[in-house]
Amino acid sequence: MRFYKLWFWLLLGPLSVASCEKDKVETPQPPEYWGEASALLDGNPVDFSVYATHVNGEAHLSIFIDTLSEEGFTRGSIFFDFIPAHIGKYGLRKEYDEEKKLPYAGYSASGSDGDAVLAHYHLVERDTLNYVDLISLEDVSQEISGTFEAYFAIDTIFKDLQPQLADTLKFTQGYFHTKIYKF
């Protein structure tokens, strides 16, 4: 009997170690915040953490403008996607469209340690405020800066679950300066 146990562990031992090694493959980490961002939120000044990404081969940027807790956890996130990687002013849309790749915006409120979404806010499209204006784009340093304004309304599903959250969020006089992280 001992002979069979020894063979069993000699055969399965290396396999279990090999499978553990596969689990140690590191996943890509999100970019670090770099730069500055600010806006008026419903008329009150707010400072944000910011970063932008550019997927190699794509002609657009994604910009993430986040509020963080004192512990560094995400509390709120404005995200702009499919922003053309060229200087210019771009109107924003409410709906994500992977096929058309039109400039899009959204806002998520987070709780707990930043990984629990409390609510999602949709862009109020009829409002003329909604835009991102890229005012500089440096090829060498990959730094960008721009302005933005966006008006969001809470998704009704989340409003019923989180009645303490604001019905609308209006970001005006927004400014950002950050680096583009390429993937």
C-alpha atoms as a PDB file:
ATOM      1  CA  MET A   1       0.000   0.000   0.000  1.00  0.00           C
ATOM      2  CA  ARG A   2       2.832   2.406   0.887  1.00  0.00           C
ATOM      3  CA  PHE A   3       4.341   1.756  -2.536  1.00  0.00           C
ATOM      4  CA  TYR A   4       1.169   2.992  -4.297  1.00  0.00           C
ATOM      5  CA  LYS A   5       0.954   6.109  -2.109  1.00  0.00           C
ATOM      6  CA  LEU A   6       4.549   6.960  -2.943  1.00  0.00           C
ATOM      7  CA  TRP A   7       3.912   6.607  -6.693  1.00  0.00           C
ATOM      8  CA  PHE A   8       0.725   8.596  -6.389  1.00  0.00           C
ATOM      9  CA  TRP A   9       2.529  11.547  -4.768  1.00  0.00           C
ATOM     10  CA  LEU A  10       5.504  11.295  -7.104  1.00  0.00           C
ATOM     11  CA  LEU A  11       3.191  11.598 -10.096  1.00  0.00           C
ATOM     12  CA  LEU A  12       0.667  14.126  -8.784  1.00  0.00           C
ATOM     13  CA  GLY A  13       3.050  16.298  -6.742  1.00  0.00           C
ATOM     14  CA  PRO A  14       4.783  17.913  -9.747  1.00  0.00           C
ATOM     15  CA  LEU A  15       1.417  18.393 -11.493  1.00  0.00           C
ATOM     16  CA  SER A  16      -0.048  20.277  -8.550  1.00  0.00           C
ATOM     17  CA  VAL A  17       3.034  22.513  -8.314  1.00  0.00           C
ATOM     18  CA  ALA A  18       2.850  23.190 -12.063  1.00  0.00           C
ATOM     19  CA  SER A  19      -0.799  24.160 -11.801  1.00  0.00           C
ATOM     20  CA  CYS A  20      -0.007  26.531  -8.906  1.00  0.00           C
ATOM     21  CA  GLU A  21       2.684  28.186 -11.024  1.00  0.00           C
ATOM     22  CA  LYS A  22       0.099  28.870 -13.736  1.00  0.00           C
ATOM     23  CA  ASP A  23      -2.085  30.661 -11.176  1.00  0.00           C
ATOM     24  CA  LYS A  24       0.760  33.086 -10.420  1.00  0.00           C
ATOM     25  CA  VAL A  25       0.576  34.740 -13.851  1.00  0.00           C
ATOM     26  CA  GLU A  26       0.227  38.460 -13.186  1.00  0.00           C
ATOM     27  CA  THR A  27      -2.678  40.294 -14.736  1.00  0.00           C
ATOM     28  CA  PRO A  28      -2.111  43.786 -16.119  1.00  0.00           C
ATOM     29  CA  GLN A  29      -2.585  46.507 -13.522  1.00  0.00           C
ATOM     30  CA  PRO A  30      -4.569  49.667 -14.243  1.00  0.00           C
ATOM     31  CA  PRO A  31      -2.500  52.764 -14.966  1.00  0.00           C
ATOM     32  CA  GLU A  32      -1.511  55.044 -12.135  1.00  0.00           C
ATOM     33  CA  TYR A  33      -3.223  58.354 -11.720  1.00  0.00           C
ATOM     34  CA  TRP A  34      -1.142  61.178 -13.118  1.00  0.00           C
ATOM     35  CA  GLY A  35      -1.872  64.881 -13.440  1.00  0.00           C
ATOM     36  CA  GLU A  36      -4.782  66.926 -12.244  1.00  0.00           C
ATOM     37  CA  ALA A  37      -8.477  67.399 -12.841  1.00  0.00           C
ATOM     38  CA  SER A  38     -11.113  69.673 -11.374  1.00  0.00           C
ATOM     39  CA  ALA A  39     -14.691  70.765 -12.005  1.00  0.00           C
ATOM     40  CA  LEU A  40     -17.698  72.318 -10.387  1.00  0.00           C
ATOM     41  CA  LEU A  41     -20.134  69.619  -9.281  1.00  0.00           C
ATOM     42  CA  ASP A  42     -23.556  71.215  -8.950  1.00  0.00           C
ATOM     43  CA  GLY A  43     -21.701  74.521  -8.397  1.00  0.00           C
ATOM     44  CA  ASN A  44     -19.223  73.211  -5.785  1.00  0.00           C
ATOM     45  CA  PRO A  45     -15.493  72.861  -6.590  1.00  0.00           C
ATOM     46  CA  VAL A  46     -14.123  69.292  -6.662  1.00  0.00           C
ATOM     47  CA  ASP A  47     -10.610  67.981  -7.353  1.00  0.00           C
ATOM     48  CA  PHE A  48     -10.172  64.604  -9.036  1.00  0.00           C
ATOM     49  CA  SER A  49      -7.568  61.982  -9.831  1.00  0.00           C
ATOM     50  CA  VAL A  50      -7.154  61.326 -13.549  1.00  0.00           C
ATOM     51  CA  TYR A  51      -5.602  59.072 -16.190  1.00  0.00           C
ATOM     52  CA  ALA A  52      -6.193  58.312 -19.861  1.00  0.00           C
ATOM     53  CA  THR A  53      -5.673  55.189 -21.935  1.00  0.00           C
ATOM     54  CA  HIS A  54      -5.107  54.473 -25.592  1.00  0.00           C
ATOM     55  CA  VAL A  55      -5.401  50.976 -26.976  1.00  0.00           C
ATOM     56  CA  ASN A  56      -2.728  50.387 -29.620  1.00  0.00           C
ATOM     57  CA  GLY A  57      -4.185  50.443 -33.101  1.00  0.00           C
ATOM     58  CA  GLU A  58      -7.290  52.361 -32.059  1.00  0.00           C
ATOM     59  CA  ALA A  59      -7.922  55.993 -33.014  1.00  0.00           C
ATOM     60  CA  HIS A  60      -9.576  56.997 -29.751  1.00  0.00           C
ATOM     61  CA  LEU A  61      -8.867  57.667 -26.076  1.00  0.00           C
ATOM     62  CA  SER A  62     -10.566  56.756 -22.830  1.00  0.00           C
ATOM     63  CA  ILE A  63     -10.350  59.298 -19.999  1.00  0.00           C
ATOM     64  CA  PHE A  64     -11.104  58.424 -16.359  1.00  0.00           C
ATOM     65  CA  ILE A  65     -11.722  61.216 -13.834  1.00  0.00           C
ATOM     66  CA  ASP A  66     -12.233  59.814 -10.336  1.00  0.00           C
ATOM     67  CA  THR A  67     -12.988  60.981  -6.820  1.00  0.00           C
ATOM     68  CA  LEU A  68     -11.165  58.964  -4.169  1.00  0.00           C
ATOM     69  CA  SER A  69     -11.740  58.375  -0.465  1.00  0.00           C
ATOM     70  CA  GLU A  70      -9.018  59.225   2.067  1.00  0.00           C
ATOM     71  CA  GLU A  71      -7.988  55.558   1.879  1.00  0.00           C
ATOM     72  CA  GLY A  72      -7.571  55.816  -1.910  1.00  0.00           C
ATOM     73  CA  PHE A  73     -10.728  53.923  -2.871  1.00  0.00           C
ATOM     74  CA  THR A  74     -12.826  55.078  -5.832  1.00  0.00           C
ATOM     75  CA  ARG A  75     -16.001  56.860  -4.757  1.00  0.00           C
ATOM     76  CA  GLY A  76     -17.093  58.226  -8.120  1.00  0.00           C
ATOM     77  CA  SER A  77     -15.879  57.943 -11.688  1.00  0.00           C
ATOM     78  CA  ILE A  78     -16.594  60.035 -14.762  1.00  0.00           C
ATOM     79  CA  PHE A  79     -15.549  58.131 -17.848  1.00  0.00           C
ATOM     80  CA  PHE A  80     -15.263  59.396 -21.385  1.00  0.00           C
ATOM     81  CA  ASP A  81     -14.755  56.792 -24.106  1.00  0.00           C
ATOM     82  CA  PHE A  82     -14.200  56.866 -27.873  1.00  0.00           C
ATOM     83  CA  ILE A  83     -12.751  60.379 -27.697  1.00  0.00           C
ATOM     84  CA  PRO A  84     -10.831  60.918 -30.970  1.00  0.00           C
ATOM     85  CA  ALA A  85      -7.074  61.234 -30.379  1.00  0.00           C
ATOM     86  CA  HIS A  86      -6.982  64.665 -32.046  1.00  0.00           C
ATOM     87  CA  ILE A  87      -7.324  68.214 -30.778  1.00  0.00           C
ATOM     88  CA  GLY A  88     -10.959  69.292 -30.999  1.00  0.00           C
ATOM     89  CA  LYS A  89     -14.299  69.599 -29.237  1.00  0.00           C
ATOM     90  CA  TYR A  90     -16.448  66.460 -29.171  1.00  0.00           C
ATOM     91  CA  GLY A  91     -20.110  66.185 -28.228  1.00  0.00           C
ATOM     92  CA  LEU A  92     -20.938  63.268 -25.941  1.00  0.00           C
ATOM     93  CA  ARG A  93     -23.594  60.596 -26.223  1.00  0.00           C
ATOM     94  CA  LYS A  94     -25.466  58.578 -23.660  1.00  0.00           C
ATOM     95  CA  GLU A  95     -25.284  55.213 -25.383  1.00  0.00           C
ATOM     96  CA  TYR A  96     -22.184  53.057 -25.735  1.00  0.00           C
ATOM     97  CA  ASP A  97     -21.805  51.971 -29.374  1.00  0.00           C
ATOM     98  CA  GLU A  98     -18.853  49.648 -30.006  1.00  0.00           C
ATOM     99  CA  GLU A  99     -19.542  49.565 -33.738  1.00  0.00           C
ATOM    100  CA  LYS A 100     -19.832  53.314 -34.435  1.00  0.00           C
ATOM    101  CA  LYS A 101     -17.281  54.320 -31.772  1.00  0.00           C
ATOM    102  CA  LEU A 102     -18.973  57.657 -31.022  1.00  0.00           C
ATOM    103  CA  PRO A 103     -17.814  59.747 -28.022  1.00  0.00           C
ATOM    104  CA  TYR A 104     -19.589  58.443 -24.935  1.00  0.00           C
ATOM    105  CA  ALA A 105     -19.774  59.385 -21.242  1.00  0.00           C
ATOM    106  CA  GLY A 106     -21.057  57.884 -18.020  1.00  0.00           C
ATOM    107  CA  TYR A 107     -20.687  58.196 -14.261  1.00  0.00           C
ATOM    108  CA  SER A 108     -20.533  55.489 -11.603  1.00  0.00           C
ATOM    109  CA  ALA A 109     -20.832  55.971  -7.841  1.00  0.00           C
ATOM    110  CA  SER A 110     -18.908  53.398  -5.782  1.00  0.00           C
ATOM    111  CA  GLY A 111     -18.979  52.272  -2.181  1.00  0.00           C
ATOM    112  CA  SER A 112     -17.183  49.915   0.173  1.00  0.00           C
ATOM    113  CA  ASP A 113     -13.573  49.565  -0.940  1.00  0.00           C
ATOM    114  CA  GLY A 114     -14.236  51.016  -4.402  1.00  0.00           C
ATOM    115  CA  ASP A 115     -15.322  47.796  -6.072  1.00  0.00           C
ATOM    116  CA  ALA A 116     -19.043  47.947  -5.274  1.00  0.00           C
ATOM    117  CA  VAL A 117     -21.046  50.038  -7.754  1.00  0.00           C
ATOM    118  CA  LEU A 118     -23.784  51.895  -5.899  1.00  0.00           C
ATOM    119  CA  ALA A 119     -25.288  53.518  -8.981  1.00  0.00           C
ATOM    120  CA  HIS A 120     -24.778  54.283 -12.613  1.00  0.00           C
ATOM    121  CA  TYR A 121     -25.670  57.661 -14.087  1.00  0.00           C
ATOM    122  CA  HIS A 122     -26.517  58.219 -17.756  1.00  0.00           C
ATOM    123  CA  LEU A 123     -25.749  61.351 -19.719  1.00  0.00           C
ATOM    124  CA  VAL A 124     -28.733  63.659 -20.195  1.00  0.00           C
ATOM    125  CA  GLU A 125     -28.375  63.988 -23.972  1.00  0.00           C
ATOM    126  CA  ARG A 126     -30.775  66.862 -24.565  1.00  0.00           C
ATOM    127  CA  ASP A 127     -28.513  69.116 -22.513  1.00  0.00           C
ATOM    128  CA  THR A 128     -26.095  71.242 -24.565  1.00  0.00           C
ATOM    129  CA  LEU A 129     -23.398  71.043 -21.891  1.00  0.00           C
ATOM    130  CA  ASN A 130     -22.088  67.610 -22.773  1.00  0.00           C
ATOM    131  CA  TYR A 131     -18.652  67.747 -24.377  1.00  0.00           C
ATOM    132  CA  VAL A 132     -14.936  67.010 -24.089  1.00  0.00           C
ATOM    133  CA  ASP A 133     -12.597  69.564 -25.666  1.00  0.00           C
ATOM    134  CA  LEU A 134      -9.029  68.293 -26.184  1.00  0.00           C
ATOM    135  CA  ILE A 135      -6.920  71.452 -26.176  1.00  0.00           C
ATOM    136  CA  SER A 136      -3.463  69.861 -26.254  1.00  0.00           C
ATOM    137  CA  LEU A 137      -2.030  66.509 -27.227  1.00  0.00           C
ATOM    138  CA  GLU A 138       1.752  66.063 -26.997  1.00  0.00           C
ATOM    139  CA  ASP A 139       3.143  63.241 -29.156  1.00  0.00           C
ATOM    140  CA  VAL A 140       6.451  62.837 -27.315  1.00  0.00           C
ATOM    141  CA  SER A 141       5.344  63.088 -23.669  1.00  0.00           C
ATOM    142  CA  GLN A 142       1.865  61.634 -24.341  1.00  0.00           C
ATOM    143  CA  GLU A 143       0.339  64.362 -22.181  1.00  0.00           C
ATOM    144  CA  ILE A 144      -3.128  65.667 -22.928  1.00  0.00           C
ATOM    145  CA  SER A 145      -5.203  68.464 -21.485  1.00  0.00           C
ATOM    146  CA  GLY A 146      -8.713  69.613 -22.051  1.00  0.00           C
ATOM    147  CA  THR A 147     -11.992  70.814 -20.686  1.00  0.00           C
ATOM    148  CA  PHE A 148     -15.317  69.088 -20.187  1.00  0.00           C
ATOM    149  CA  GLU A 149     -18.890  69.565 -19.106  1.00  0.00           C
ATOM    150  CA  ALA A 150     -21.415  66.814 -18.524  1.00  0.00           C
ATOM    151  CA  TYR A 151     -24.891  66.468 -17.042  1.00  0.00           C
ATOM    152  CA  PHE A 152     -25.917  63.046 -15.689  1.00  0.00           C
ATOM    153  CA  ALA A 153     -29.140  61.522 -14.322  1.00  0.00           C
ATOM    154  CA  ILE A 154     -29.243  58.430 -12.134  1.00  0.00           C
ATOM    155  CA  ASP A 155     -30.440  55.185 -13.704  1.00  0.00           C
ATOM    156  CA  THR A 156     -33.926  54.569 -12.270  1.00  0.00           C
ATOM    157  CA  ILE A 157     -33.060  51.003 -11.242  1.00  0.00           C
ATOM    158  CA  PHE A 158     -30.324  52.310  -8.943  1.00  0.00           C
ATOM    159  CA  LYS A 159     -32.440  55.196  -7.645  1.00  0.00           C
ATOM    160  CA  ASP A 160     -34.874  52.723  -6.107  1.00  0.00           C
ATOM    161  CA  LEU A 161     -31.974  50.819  -4.494  1.00  0.00           C
ATOM    162  CA  GLN A 162     -30.011  53.890  -3.344  1.00  0.00           C
ATOM    163  CA  PRO A 163     -32.575  56.644  -2.594  1.00  0.00           C
ATOM    164  CA  GLN A 164     -29.944  58.722  -0.728  1.00  0.00           C
ATOM    165  CA  LEU A 165     -28.004  59.422  -3.952  1.00  0.00           C
ATOM    166  CA  ALA A 166     -28.582  62.581  -5.987  1.00  0.00           C
ATOM    167  CA  ASP A 167     -30.985  62.365  -8.931  1.00  0.00           C
ATOM    168  CA  THR A 168     -28.679  64.423 -11.157  1.00  0.00           C
ATOM    169  CA  LEU A 169     -25.020  65.458 -11.281  1.00  0.00           C
ATOM    170  CA  LYS A 170     -23.931  68.506 -13.268  1.00  0.00           C
ATOM    171  CA  PHE A 171     -20.194  68.900 -13.937  1.00  0.00           C
ATOM    172  CA  THR A 172     -19.259  72.329 -15.299  1.00  0.00           C
ATOM    173  CA  GLN A 173     -15.981  74.177 -15.890  1.00  0.00           C
ATOM    174  CA  GLY A 174     -14.151  70.845 -15.918  1.00  0.00           C
ATOM    175  CA  TYR A 175     -10.427  70.709 -16.656  1.00  0.00           C
ATOM    176  CA  PHE A 176      -7.948  67.827 -16.917  1.00  0.00           C
ATOM    177  CA  HIS A 177      -4.256  67.339 -17.617  1.00  0.00           C
ATOM    178  CA  THR A 178      -2.858  63.819 -17.668  1.00  0.00           C
ATOM    179  CA  LYS A 179      -0.765  61.259 -19.530  1.00  0.00           C
ATOM    180  CA  ILE A 180      -1.982  58.669 -21.983  1.00  0.00           C
ATOM    181  CA  TYR A 181      -1.127  55.090 -21.026  1.00  0.00           C
ATOM    182  CA  LYS A 182      -0.847  52.823 -24.054  1.00  0.00           C
ATOM    183  CA  PHE A 183      -1.866  49.174 -24.022  1.00  0.00           C
END
